Protein backbone atom coordinates (compact mmCIF):
# COMPACT_ATOMS: atom_id res chain seq x y z
CA MET A 1 25.40 -3.86 31.84
CA THR A 2 27.67 -3.23 28.73
CA PRO A 3 26.25 -2.24 25.39
CA GLN A 4 27.33 -5.69 24.06
CA TYR A 5 25.08 -7.53 26.54
CA LEU A 6 22.25 -5.20 25.85
CA TRP A 7 22.31 -5.86 21.98
CA LEU A 8 22.65 -9.52 22.77
CA LEU A 9 19.70 -9.36 24.94
CA ILE A 10 17.69 -7.45 22.22
CA PHE A 11 18.65 -9.73 19.53
CA GLY A 12 18.01 -12.84 21.62
CA ILE A 13 14.48 -11.69 22.28
CA VAL A 14 13.89 -10.89 18.68
CA LEU A 15 15.39 -14.06 17.63
CA PHE A 16 12.95 -15.87 20.19
CA ILE A 17 9.96 -14.11 18.85
CA ILE A 18 10.86 -14.98 15.21
CA THR A 19 11.43 -18.72 15.97
CA THR A 20 8.15 -19.03 18.02
CA ASP A 21 5.62 -17.23 15.76
CA GLU A 22 5.50 -17.89 11.94
CA ASN A 23 3.64 -14.52 11.22
CA VAL A 24 6.44 -12.49 12.88
CA ALA A 25 9.01 -14.51 10.97
CA LYS A 26 7.22 -13.69 7.56
CA ALA A 27 6.91 -10.09 8.69
CA PHE A 28 10.53 -9.85 9.49
CA PHE A 29 11.47 -11.56 6.12
CA TYR A 30 9.16 -8.86 4.34
CA VAL A 31 10.87 -5.92 6.08
CA ILE A 32 14.29 -7.18 5.36
CA GLU A 33 13.29 -7.49 1.62
CA LEU A 34 11.73 -3.96 1.70
CA ALA A 35 14.88 -2.58 3.17
CA LYS A 36 17.17 -4.24 0.47
CA THR A 37 14.78 -3.00 -2.21
CA ASN A 38 14.99 0.51 -0.91
CA ILE A 39 18.72 0.43 -0.59
CA ARG A 40 19.01 -0.78 -4.26
CA LYS A 41 16.65 1.93 -5.39
CA GLN A 42 18.72 4.49 -3.60
CA TRP A 43 21.87 3.13 -5.03
CA TRP A 44 20.60 3.08 -8.45
CA TRP A 45 19.27 6.77 -8.15
CA MET A 46 22.62 7.83 -6.87
CA THR A 47 24.62 6.10 -9.76
CA GLN A 48 21.95 6.96 -12.54
CA ASN A 49 20.71 10.48 -11.63
CA PRO A 50 21.84 13.03 -14.31
CA ALA A 51 21.83 15.88 -11.65
CA ASN A 52 24.83 14.19 -10.12
CA PRO A 53 28.04 15.83 -11.38
CA VAL A 54 29.98 12.27 -11.54
CA VAL A 55 27.18 10.80 -13.54
CA LYS A 56 27.13 13.91 -15.78
CA TYR A 57 30.74 13.62 -16.46
CA MET A 58 30.52 9.89 -17.22
CA MET A 59 27.76 10.50 -19.63
CA TYR A 60 29.67 13.29 -21.35
CA ARG A 61 32.70 11.14 -21.82
CA LYS A 62 30.66 8.11 -23.10
CA ASN A 63 28.86 10.55 -25.55
CA LEU A 64 32.11 12.12 -26.63
CA LYS A 65 33.60 8.73 -27.47
CA LEU A 66 30.45 7.82 -29.44
CA ALA A 67 30.63 11.18 -31.25
CA LYS A 68 34.18 10.46 -32.34
CA GLU A 69 33.29 7.00 -33.52
CA LEU A 70 30.39 8.11 -35.46
CA ARG A 71 32.51 11.10 -37.06
CA ALA A 72 35.19 8.59 -38.04
CA LYS A 73 32.52 6.40 -39.75
CA ILE A 74 30.94 9.28 -41.54
CA ASP A 75 34.31 10.48 -42.76
CA LYS A 76 35.18 6.95 -43.87
CA TYR A 77 31.96 6.74 -45.72
CA TYR A 78 32.26 10.10 -47.61
CA GLU A 79 36.11 9.23 -48.40
CA GLU A 80 34.86 5.99 -49.98
CA ASN A 81 32.04 7.53 -51.93
CA LYS A 82 34.01 10.63 -53.32
């Protein structure tokens, strides 16, 4: 038996159980939603965690740009009020 037929058999049995029992279908849906939520949580943590060097660099660049803009506004304010 090739692996393709084995997977087809496994998915066929799971599909049969899901279609015949409503509670199993609900449980399957909840497990899929839980997996999606955990994947989104991990993705958010990887892209927002300040311990990540890439995120650190992106925060540094964003803050540097903001500092330059604020410095320009402050200098412009003092030039106008001299």
